[in-house]
Amino acid sequence: MWPTGSSALYAEAAGLWTQVAALLAAAGRTGDATRLSEAGTVLRELARVEHEAMRALSALGRTGLR
């Protein structure tokens, strides 16, 4: 079993990566720099989520799987 909440965090991160990919694709198709700015905003949130998820996983080294 994963530490409490870590699987939800990774699911959230997957969704955010999908958003980033869509925004970058849209920027490439349209040349709209606003999409790049939006992707940057999502990437900042993604960094926060992934950092939190990694902290949850690091708890495995201290407590082990239960």
C-alpha atoms as a PDB file:
ATOM      1  CA  MET A   1       0.000   0.000   0.000  1.00  0.00           C
ATOM      2  CA  TRP A   2       1.221   3.510  -0.825  1.00  0.00           C
ATOM      3  CA  PRO A   3       1.513   6.089   1.934  1.00  0.00           C
ATOM      4  CA  THR A   4      -1.740   7.895   2.565  1.00  0.00           C
ATOM      5  CA  GLY A   5      -2.515  10.289  -0.245  1.00  0.00           C
ATOM      6  CA  SER A   6       0.528   9.617  -2.417  1.00  0.00           C
ATOM      7  CA  SER A   7      -1.411   7.713  -5.082  1.00  0.00           C
ATOM      8  CA  ALA A   8      -3.881  10.600  -5.288  1.00  0.00           C
ATOM      9  CA  LEU A   9      -0.990  13.033  -5.664  1.00  0.00           C
ATOM     10  CA  TYR A  10       0.495  11.040  -8.539  1.00  0.00           C
ATOM     11  CA  ALA A  11      -2.932  10.874 -10.201  1.00  0.00           C
ATOM     12  CA  GLU A  12      -3.172  14.651  -9.849  1.00  0.00           C
ATOM     13  CA  ALA A  13       0.303  15.052 -11.323  1.00  0.00           C
ATOM     14  CA  ALA A  14      -0.635  12.883 -14.306  1.00  0.00           C
ATOM     15  CA  GLY A  15      -3.588  15.137 -15.017  1.00  0.00           C
ATOM     16  CA  LEU A  16      -1.414  18.222 -14.752  1.00  0.00           C
ATOM     17  CA  TRP A  17       1.122  16.748 -17.200  1.00  0.00           C
ATOM     18  CA  THR A  18      -1.751  16.157 -19.620  1.00  0.00           C
ATOM     19  CA  GLN A  19      -2.750  19.816 -19.284  1.00  0.00           C
ATOM     20  CA  VAL A  20       0.829  20.947 -19.904  1.00  0.00           C
ATOM     21  CA  ALA A  21       1.088  18.789 -23.023  1.00  0.00           C
ATOM     22  CA  ALA A  22      -2.183  20.162 -24.378  1.00  0.00           C
ATOM     23  CA  LEU A  23      -1.144  23.760 -23.706  1.00  0.00           C
ATOM     24  CA  LEU A  24       2.231  23.264 -25.387  1.00  0.00           C
ATOM     25  CA  ALA A  25       0.586  21.605 -28.388  1.00  0.00           C
ATOM     26  CA  ALA A  26      -1.869  24.505 -28.651  1.00  0.00           C
ATOM     27  CA  ALA A  27       0.987  27.007 -28.441  1.00  0.00           C
ATOM     28  CA  GLY A  28       2.778  25.174 -31.237  1.00  0.00           C
ATOM     29  CA  ARG A  29      -0.301  25.074 -33.454  1.00  0.00           C
ATOM     30  CA  THR A  30      -1.396  28.658 -32.931  1.00  0.00           C
ATOM     31  CA  GLY A  31       1.779  30.517 -31.985  1.00  0.00           C
ATOM     32  CA  ASP A  32      -0.144  31.896 -28.994  1.00  0.00           C
ATOM     33  CA  ALA A  33       2.391  32.781 -26.296  1.00  0.00           C
ATOM     34  CA  THR A  34      -0.425  32.978 -23.750  1.00  0.00           C
ATOM     35  CA  ARG A  35      -0.604  29.173 -23.866  1.00  0.00           C
ATOM     36  CA  LEU A  36       3.084  29.027 -22.882  1.00  0.00           C
ATOM     37  CA  SER A  37       2.396  31.272 -19.919  1.00  0.00           C
ATOM     38  CA  GLU A  38      -0.511  29.056 -18.897  1.00  0.00           C
ATOM     39  CA  ALA A  39       1.725  25.984 -19.209  1.00  0.00           C
ATOM     40  CA  GLY A  40       4.247  27.675 -16.905  1.00  0.00           C
ATOM     41  CA  THR A  41       1.543  28.243 -14.315  1.00  0.00           C
ATOM     42  CA  VAL A  42       0.501  24.589 -14.479  1.00  0.00           C
ATOM     43  CA  LEU A  43       4.152  23.492 -14.256  1.00  0.00           C
ATOM     44  CA  ARG A  44       4.599  25.446 -11.031  1.00  0.00           C
ATOM     45  CA  GLU A  45       1.595  23.657  -9.540  1.00  0.00           C
ATOM     46  CA  LEU A  46       2.919  20.369 -10.873  1.00  0.00           C
ATOM     47  CA  ALA A  47       6.254  20.941  -9.142  1.00  0.00           C
ATOM     48  CA  ARG A  48       4.430  21.494  -5.857  1.00  0.00           C
ATOM     49  CA  VAL A  49       2.351  18.326  -6.269  1.00  0.00           C
ATOM     50  CA  GLU A  50       5.317  16.172  -7.278  1.00  0.00           C
ATOM     51  CA  HIS A  51       7.404  17.517  -4.399  1.00  0.00           C
ATOM     52  CA  GLU A  52       4.645  16.624  -1.961  1.00  0.00           C
ATOM     53  CA  ALA A  53       4.296  13.156  -3.521  1.00  0.00           C
ATOM     54  CA  MET A  54       8.037  12.521  -3.250  1.00  0.00           C
ATOM     55  CA  ARG A  55       7.958  13.540   0.406  1.00  0.00           C
ATOM     56  CA  ALA A  56       5.190  10.992   0.967  1.00  0.00           C
ATOM     57  CA  LEU A  57       7.237   8.306  -0.773  1.00  0.00           C
ATOM     58  CA  SER A  58      10.353   9.172   1.198  1.00  0.00           C
ATOM     59  CA  ALA A  59       8.397   8.229   4.291  1.00  0.00           C
ATOM     60  CA  LEU A  60       8.613   4.648   3.022  1.00  0.00           C
ATOM     61  CA  GLY A  61      12.334   4.641   3.747  1.00  0.00           C
ATOM     62  CA  ARG A  62      11.669   5.674   7.314  1.00  0.00           C
ATOM     63  CA  THR A  63       8.587   3.607   8.084  1.00  0.00           C
ATOM     64  CA  GLY A  64       8.414   0.892   5.431  1.00  0.00           C
ATOM     65  CA  LEU A  65       5.321  -0.409   3.702  1.00  0.00           C
ATOM     66  CA  ARG A  66       2.460  -1.427   5.926  1.00  0.00           C
END
